[in-house]
Amino acid sequence: MPGREIVAEDIVGATRGAVLSRGLGRSYGDSSLPARATDKVVCTRLANRVLSFERETGVLRAEAGFDLVELNRLFMPMGWFSPVTPGTKHVTLGGMVASDVHGKNHHREGCFGAHVRAMRIRLADDEIVECSPTKDADLFWATVGGMGLLGHILEVEVGLHRIPSRWVWMESERVEDLDAFLDALGRAAPVWPMTMGWIDCLHRGRAMGRGILMAGRWASADEARSRPPRDPRKLVFPVELPDWALNPLTARAFNTAYYWRHVRRKVETLVAPDPFFYPLDAILEWNRAYGPRGFTQYQCVLPRAAGPEAVRDFMHLLTKLGAASPLCVIKDCGPEGRGLLSFPLEGTSIAVDMAVSADTQHIVDELNALVIAAGGRIYLTKDGFTRPEHFRAMEPRLPRFMAARDKWDPHRRLRSAQSVRILGDRA
């Protein structure tokens, strides 16, 4: 691909006067929603061109709307992959920066922002600037994880990682309870570059937190199959289920079946990247399983210093509140990144889907109180219910972020429904 820069003034100009940019709209919360119906929000889906790529170094520069689907399709055959990928490939480069996404390799590679070299941004006053870790660094690190509140991301330059093949060598292990699971995560982290787990958060007693631990690495050329992985089949969840279909009885039945489906305690196998990195992408519109009420996801990170007791207390509270569901993911996180509102810190991340109900606000309040007491925080990309006083209590970096906003957008022209809810921006 040529190394020349392409200027797309028609697309760049569309951001003029807008209060927010929106990628594929896959955030579970209100971070990509306008504060009011009359606000101008720019969708970046058509701003999706590759501007340059260095074949020898893997440095990619692309417009903010370029997504992981296309990145994988174009660059995996050439031996390159994103340094960090979240649990879905339906995300744009701009969204990956704004959320400072993390993945199964956070304990090794940190968040996506750690690998971004430069960005082109339209500021609130419509000026266009280039920033990097060494040029206007305060703007750069406030934008990384800043939920689009510092400027409209127009272009992203990031270093891809060389991969030895297009296959993943995976080890999966059935683990009998939460304490054993946390121990297994701790043992896997120094050995495997990618780790995560599904846990059964519906069972109480000795079986609480049982689950399946998955660890992986890119397969060597000798281990990989000669043919590339097939494109995944596209399945669609066929109907919207009624609200009563997903209930404690059906959820427990699903969890039991999924747990014992892993017949052998430990299995090693060669898998394609899609089922390893993006298992939920295999079923389109899977949110229909939650019925017309919809769902939210609660994701927090509990610091290592709080110990396994904090994780155990969280799981007990989750089940006591009746907020547990069939989808609960646990990950090991490495050190905190430089993004001023980046989510992970060294510890254990827990993400659980919850059907929206009249109790949801109370459940989030109770979980947040526990997270604050443990010194943890929540993930803004998934959040739609956290109260402003709770966010302030869990985020000691907030004054630095607000100082950056004061400098780069003193009139708070850039805003979202989320920033109105948790930061007090005007509606």
Foldseek 3Di string as FASTA:
>chain_A
DDQAADDDCVLLVLCVQAQFEDELPPQQAFLQFAQDPPGDYHYCLVQAAWGHADLVFQKTKGWQRNWQVVVCVPCVVSQWHQPADAQARRHTNLRQQLLQDHAQQQQPRNGSLVFWAKWWWQAPNRDIDIAGCVRPVLLSLLNRNVSGQGTHTTMTIGHIDGAQHQKKKKKKFWFQEQVRVVVVQVVCNVPASGKKWWFQLQDDDRRHGTTMIMGIDGDHPVPDDPDADDDADAAEPDAQDAQVQFASVVQVVVLVCVSCVPPDRMDIDMGGPCCVRHVPRNYPPPQSPNHPQTKFKWKKFFACVLPCVLVVVLSVLCNVLVFAGNGKMKHAHHDDDSRLNHADHGGMMIMGMGRDDPCVLVSVVVSLVSRLVRLMAIRPSRDHRDAQVSRCSNRPSVVSSVVSCCVRPVPSSHDISSCCGHVVDDD
